[in-house]
């Protein structure tokens, strides 16, 4: 996920980051710099079909990951909930019901 953090600078800090714990209300990002809580951010969420969905939010927490050289987990709360079912492919339809296992 590409993330741009808008701090007190003319240019935003832009990172391509790994994601953790994606939900309707937010996401955790792994980046190499401390970001203050309250910092606005813009995210580009890449969908499985290759399209990008822009999301906005704010940093609600930032914690150093002990044992890493300089890795931080950033908690971002979205400005409005996202609907994950609209962003992921539908599971295949079940054609047969599973048979019970046993003797």
Protein backbone atom coordinates (compact mmCIF):
# COMPACT_ATOMS: atom_id res chain seq x y z
CA UNK A 1 0.00 0.00 0.00
CA UNK A 2 1.33 3.45 -0.85
CA UNK A 3 0.87 6.00 1.96
CA UNK A 4 1.46 9.77 2.02
CA UNK A 5 1.68 11.42 5.46
CA UNK A 6 0.98 15.16 5.64
CA UNK A 7 2.97 16.56 8.56
CA UNK A 8 4.17 20.14 9.04
CA UNK A 9 6.18 20.03 5.82
CA UNK A 10 5.65 21.37 2.34
CA UNK A 11 6.02 17.88 0.85
CA UNK A 12 4.28 14.81 2.31
CA UNK A 13 6.31 11.80 3.42
CA UNK A 14 5.52 9.02 0.95
CA UNK A 15 6.09 5.32 1.69
CA UNK A 16 5.26 2.02 0.11
CA UNK A 17 4.47 -0.12 3.11
CA UNK A 18 3.41 -3.55 4.21
CA UNK A 19 -0.04 -3.75 5.77
CA UNK A 20 -1.39 -5.56 8.81
CA UNK A 21 -4.85 -5.95 10.30
CA UNK A 22 -6.97 -4.38 7.56
CA UNK A 23 -10.54 -3.75 8.71
CA UNK A 24 -13.50 -1.58 7.74
CA UNK A 25 -12.27 1.15 10.07
CA UNK A 26 -8.51 1.17 9.63
CA UNK A 27 -5.22 -0.52 8.89
CA UNK A 28 -1.79 -0.97 10.44
CA UNK A 29 1.21 -0.06 8.27
CA UNK A 30 4.88 -0.95 8.74
CA UNK A 31 7.22 1.91 7.85
CA UNK A 32 10.71 3.08 8.69
CA UNK A 33 9.95 6.39 10.41
CA UNK A 34 8.05 7.67 13.44
CA UNK A 35 4.81 9.49 12.53
CA UNK A 36 2.90 11.56 15.09
CA UNK A 37 -0.66 10.66 16.09
CA UNK A 38 -3.13 13.02 14.43
CA UNK A 39 -1.14 13.21 11.19
CA UNK A 40 -3.40 13.14 8.12
CA UNK A 41 -2.65 10.55 5.48
CA UNK A 42 -3.74 9.47 2.02
CA UNK A 43 -3.53 5.79 1.10
CA UNK A 44 -3.71 4.03 -2.25
CA UNK A 45 -5.17 0.58 -1.64
CA UNK A 46 -4.40 -1.77 -4.53
CA UNK A 47 -7.26 -4.16 -5.31
CA UNK A 48 -6.75 -7.74 -6.51
CA UNK A 49 -7.74 -6.71 -10.06
CA UNK A 50 -4.95 -4.10 -10.14
CA UNK A 51 -7.13 -1.01 -9.65
CA UNK A 52 -6.29 1.42 -6.84
CA UNK A 53 -8.77 2.77 -4.33
CA UNK A 54 -7.84 6.06 -2.65
CA UNK A 55 -8.49 6.22 1.10
CA UNK A 56 -7.98 9.02 3.62
CA UNK A 57 -7.48 8.83 7.35
CA UNK A 58 -5.34 9.87 10.27
CA UNK A 59 -2.64 8.26 12.36
CA UNK A 60 -4.02 7.18 15.73
CA UNK A 61 -0.89 5.47 17.05
CA UNK A 62 2.73 4.80 16.23
CA UNK A 63 4.91 2.30 18.04
CA UNK A 64 8.50 1.19 17.58
CA UNK A 65 8.86 -2.54 16.92
CA UNK A 66 11.44 -3.73 19.43
CA UNK A 67 14.32 -5.63 17.92
CA UNK A 68 14.03 -3.94 14.54
CA UNK A 69 16.59 -1.44 13.31
CA UNK A 70 14.02 1.26 12.60
CA UNK A 71 10.59 -0.23 11.98
CA UNK A 72 7.37 1.33 13.25
CA UNK A 73 3.79 0.10 13.23
CA UNK A 74 1.45 2.95 12.33
CA UNK A 75 -2.27 2.62 13.14
CA UNK A 76 -4.42 4.53 10.64
CA UNK A 77 -8.13 5.17 11.18
CA UNK A 78 -10.07 5.75 7.95
CA UNK A 79 -12.16 8.92 7.61
CA UNK A 80 -15.12 6.72 6.68
CA UNK A 81 -15.55 2.94 6.85
CA UNK A 82 -14.67 0.88 3.82
CA UNK A 83 -16.62 -2.14 2.66
CA UNK A 84 -14.18 -4.96 2.13
CA UNK A 85 -16.67 -7.10 0.20
CA UNK A 86 -16.62 -4.44 -2.54
CA UNK A 87 -12.82 -4.59 -2.66
CA UNK A 88 -12.23 -8.33 -2.83
CA UNK A 89 -13.35 -11.03 -5.22
CA UNK A 90 -16.40 -13.03 -4.20
CA UNK A 91 -15.76 -16.55 -2.96
CA UNK A 92 -16.74 -19.30 -5.40
CA UNK A 93 -20.26 -20.64 -5.06
CA UNK A 94 -20.48 -23.99 -3.31
CA UNK A 95 -21.91 -26.56 -5.71
CA UNK A 96 -22.16 -29.44 -3.25
CA UNK A 97 -22.71 -29.55 0.45
CA UNK A 98 -19.86 -31.17 2.36
CA UNK A 99 -20.50 -34.73 3.42
CA UNK A 100 -20.27 -35.43 7.14
CA UNK A 101 -17.18 -37.33 8.17
CA UNK A 102 -17.29 -40.28 10.44
CA UNK A 103 -17.71 -44.04 10.51
